[in-house]
Amino acid sequence: MGNVRKLTRAQFLLVCTATFLILSLLTAAFYVSFAGPQKTVDKHRVACVGDSISLGSNYTIDLYLMLGSSYNVSNFDVSGATVLLSTNNPYLKTGNFRS
């Protein structure tokens, strides 16, 4: 025990740098082997437009179930709206159309 060697400052910094590099490489290897990059899957987007009749039905859910999980089915129905522009509530002027 009496024969303990002291490290110089340069040796100490070299050991710390080597330890840091080894830990960084191990962390990166762990990430690549276990976590891996996340795969993003682009979904097809389907916009369903309708009035109060379609708003109260489950057709968007049924359509999603038929198409599968690779589709994103959204409901943009507006009660009382119509496709005609010369009415009190044209669909083109609703917030759902702007979405």
C-alpha atoms as a PDB file:
ATOM      1  CA  MET A   1       0.000   0.000   0.000  1.00  0.00           C
ATOM      2  CA  GLY A   2       2.822   2.364   0.530  1.00  0.00           C
ATOM      3  CA  ASN A   3       3.818   2.125  -3.114  1.00  0.00           C
ATOM      4  CA  VAL A   4       0.974   4.235  -4.647  1.00  0.00           C
ATOM      5  CA  ARG A   5       1.905   6.151  -7.776  1.00  0.00           C
ATOM      6  CA  LYS A   6       0.413   9.596  -8.360  1.00  0.00           C
ATOM      7  CA  LEU A   7      -0.898  10.487 -11.819  1.00  0.00           C
ATOM      8  CA  THR A   8       0.256  13.639 -13.492  1.00  0.00           C
ATOM      9  CA  ARG A   9      -2.354  16.093 -14.689  1.00  0.00           C
ATOM     10  CA  ALA A  10      -1.888  14.992 -18.306  1.00  0.00           C
ATOM     11  CA  GLN A  11      -2.286  11.318 -17.390  1.00  0.00           C
ATOM     12  CA  PHE A  12      -5.401  12.076 -15.362  1.00  0.00           C
ATOM     13  CA  LEU A  13      -6.966  13.982 -18.296  1.00  0.00           C
ATOM     14  CA  LEU A  14      -6.071  11.142 -20.654  1.00  0.00           C
ATOM     15  CA  VAL A  15      -7.779   8.573 -18.408  1.00  0.00           C
ATOM     16  CA  CYS A  16     -10.880  10.775 -18.054  1.00  0.00           C
ATOM     17  CA  THR A  17     -11.085  11.359 -21.822  1.00  0.00           C
ATOM     18  CA  ALA A  18     -10.674   7.649 -22.579  1.00  0.00           C
ATOM     19  CA  THR A  19     -13.372   6.767 -20.035  1.00  0.00           C
ATOM     20  CA  PHE A  20     -15.741   9.347 -21.521  1.00  0.00           C
ATOM     21  CA  LEU A  21     -15.180   8.038 -25.051  1.00  0.00           C
ATOM     22  CA  ILE A  22     -15.748   4.429 -24.029  1.00  0.00           C
ATOM     23  CA  LEU A  23     -18.979   5.306 -22.194  1.00  0.00           C
ATOM     24  CA  SER A  24     -20.173   7.356 -25.194  1.00  0.00           C
ATOM     25  CA  LEU A  25     -19.525   4.463 -27.579  1.00  0.00           C
ATOM     26  CA  LEU A  26     -21.320   2.015 -25.286  1.00  0.00           C
ATOM     27  CA  THR A  27     -24.322   4.353 -25.037  1.00  0.00           C
ATOM     28  CA  ALA A  28     -24.474   4.749 -28.823  1.00  0.00           C
ATOM     29  CA  ALA A  29     -24.191   0.978 -29.327  1.00  0.00           C
ATOM     30  CA  PHE A  30     -27.011   0.404 -26.831  1.00  0.00           C
ATOM     31  CA  TYR A  31     -29.228   2.934 -28.596  1.00  0.00           C
ATOM     32  CA  VAL A  32     -28.646   1.460 -32.045  1.00  0.00           C
ATOM     33  CA  SER A  33     -29.119  -2.142 -30.963  1.00  0.00           C
ATOM     34  CA  PHE A  34     -32.153  -1.760 -28.692  1.00  0.00           C
ATOM     35  CA  ALA A  35     -33.954   1.496 -29.359  1.00  0.00           C
ATOM     36  CA  GLY A  36     -33.044   1.958 -32.992  1.00  0.00           C
ATOM     37  CA  PRO A  37     -34.371   4.726 -35.169  1.00  0.00           C
ATOM     38  CA  GLN A  38     -38.125   5.163 -35.121  1.00  0.00           C
ATOM     39  CA  LYS A  39     -39.788   4.169 -38.355  1.00  0.00           C
ATOM     40  CA  THR A  40     -42.360   6.670 -39.489  1.00  0.00           C
ATOM     41  CA  VAL A  41     -45.168   5.444 -41.636  1.00  0.00           C
ATOM     42  CA  ASP A  42     -46.995   7.983 -43.726  1.00  0.00           C
ATOM     43  CA  LYS A  43     -50.728   7.431 -43.433  1.00  0.00           C
ATOM     44  CA  HIS A  44     -53.188   8.126 -46.190  1.00  0.00           C
ATOM     45  CA  ARG A  45     -55.519  10.929 -45.140  1.00  0.00           C
ATOM     46  CA  VAL A  46     -59.258  10.745 -45.854  1.00  0.00           C
ATOM     47  CA  ALA A  47     -61.470  13.767 -45.198  1.00  0.00           C
ATOM     48  CA  CYS A  48     -65.182  12.990 -44.787  1.00  0.00           C
ATOM     49  CA  VAL A  49     -67.527  15.892 -45.466  1.00  0.00           C
ATOM     50  CA  GLY A  50     -71.234  15.916 -44.784  1.00  0.00           C
ATOM     51  CA  ASP A  51     -74.200  17.531 -43.065  1.00  0.00           C
ATOM     52  CA  SER A  52     -76.222  16.766 -39.929  1.00  0.00           C
ATOM     53  CA  ILE A  53     -77.281  13.344 -41.234  1.00  0.00           C
ATOM     54  CA  SER A  54     -73.713  12.153 -41.644  1.00  0.00           C
ATOM     55  CA  LEU A  55     -72.646  13.954 -38.473  1.00  0.00           C
ATOM     56  CA  GLY A  56     -74.881  11.702 -36.380  1.00  0.00           C
ATOM     57  CA  SER A  57     -73.798   8.457 -38.050  1.00  0.00           C
ATOM     58  CA  ASN A  58     -70.762   6.256 -37.617  1.00  0.00           C
ATOM     59  CA  TYR A  59     -69.698   6.169 -41.244  1.00  0.00           C
ATOM     60  CA  THR A  60     -66.234   7.600 -40.529  1.00  0.00           C
ATOM     61  CA  ILE A  61     -65.587   4.871 -37.960  1.00  0.00           C
ATOM     62  CA  ASP A  62     -66.900   2.211 -40.347  1.00  0.00           C
ATOM     63  CA  LEU A  63     -64.742   3.599 -43.137  1.00  0.00           C
ATOM     64  CA  TYR A  64     -61.654   3.546 -40.904  1.00  0.00           C
ATOM     65  CA  LEU A  65     -62.369  -0.062 -39.924  1.00  0.00           C
ATOM     66  CA  MET A  66     -62.721  -1.045 -43.581  1.00  0.00           C
ATOM     67  CA  LEU A  67     -59.584   0.781 -44.731  1.00  0.00           C
ATOM     68  CA  GLY A  68     -57.298  -0.209 -41.863  1.00  0.00           C
ATOM     69  CA  SER A  69     -54.698   1.506 -39.713  1.00  0.00           C
ATOM     70  CA  SER A  70     -52.662   2.842 -42.645  1.00  0.00           C
ATOM     71  CA  TYR A  71     -55.421   5.426 -43.167  1.00  0.00           C
ATOM     72  CA  ASN A  72     -56.250   8.480 -41.068  1.00  0.00           C
ATOM     73  CA  VAL A  73     -59.989   9.145 -41.462  1.00  0.00           C
ATOM     74  CA  SER A  74     -61.202  12.546 -40.232  1.00  0.00           C
ATOM     75  CA  ASN A  75     -64.765  13.806 -39.886  1.00  0.00           C
ATOM     76  CA  PHE A  76     -65.435  17.363 -41.099  1.00  0.00           C
ATOM     77  CA  ASP A  77     -69.248  17.268 -41.055  1.00  0.00           C
ATOM     78  CA  VAL A  78     -71.186  20.456 -40.277  1.00  0.00           C
ATOM     79  CA  SER A  79     -74.812  20.360 -39.234  1.00  0.00           C
ATOM     80  CA  GLY A  80     -76.992  22.437 -41.540  1.00  0.00           C
ATOM     81  CA  ALA A  81     -74.284  23.094 -44.112  1.00  0.00           C
ATOM     82  CA  THR A  82     -74.753  22.697 -47.833  1.00  0.00           C
ATOM     83  CA  VAL A  83     -72.512  22.697 -50.894  1.00  0.00           C
ATOM     84  CA  LEU A  84     -74.533  25.498 -52.482  1.00  0.00           C
ATOM     85  CA  LEU A  85     -72.940  28.916 -52.125  1.00  0.00           C
ATOM     86  CA  SER A  86     -76.223  30.820 -52.356  1.00  0.00           C
ATOM     87  CA  THR A  87     -77.601  29.538 -49.020  1.00  0.00           C
ATOM     88  CA  ASN A  88     -77.494  30.692 -45.404  1.00  0.00           C
ATOM     89  CA  ASN A  89     -74.769  28.209 -44.425  1.00  0.00           C
ATOM     90  CA  PRO A  90     -72.472  27.202 -47.313  1.00  0.00           C
ATOM     91  CA  TYR A  91     -69.893  24.585 -46.333  1.00  0.00           C
ATOM     92  CA  LEU A  92     -67.073  26.573 -47.960  1.00  0.00           C
ATOM     93  CA  LYS A  93     -67.481  29.314 -45.337  1.00  0.00           C
ATOM     94  CA  THR A  94     -67.360  27.010 -42.284  1.00  0.00           C
ATOM     95  CA  GLY A  95     -64.418  26.450 -39.978  1.00  0.00           C
ATOM     96  CA  ASN A  96     -64.331  22.761 -40.872  1.00  0.00           C
ATOM     97  CA  PHE A  97     -63.677  23.615 -44.518  1.00  0.00           C
ATOM     98  CA  ARG A  98     -60.711  25.761 -43.515  1.00  0.00           C
ATOM     99  CA  SER A  99     -59.282  22.869 -41.472  1.00  0.00           C
END
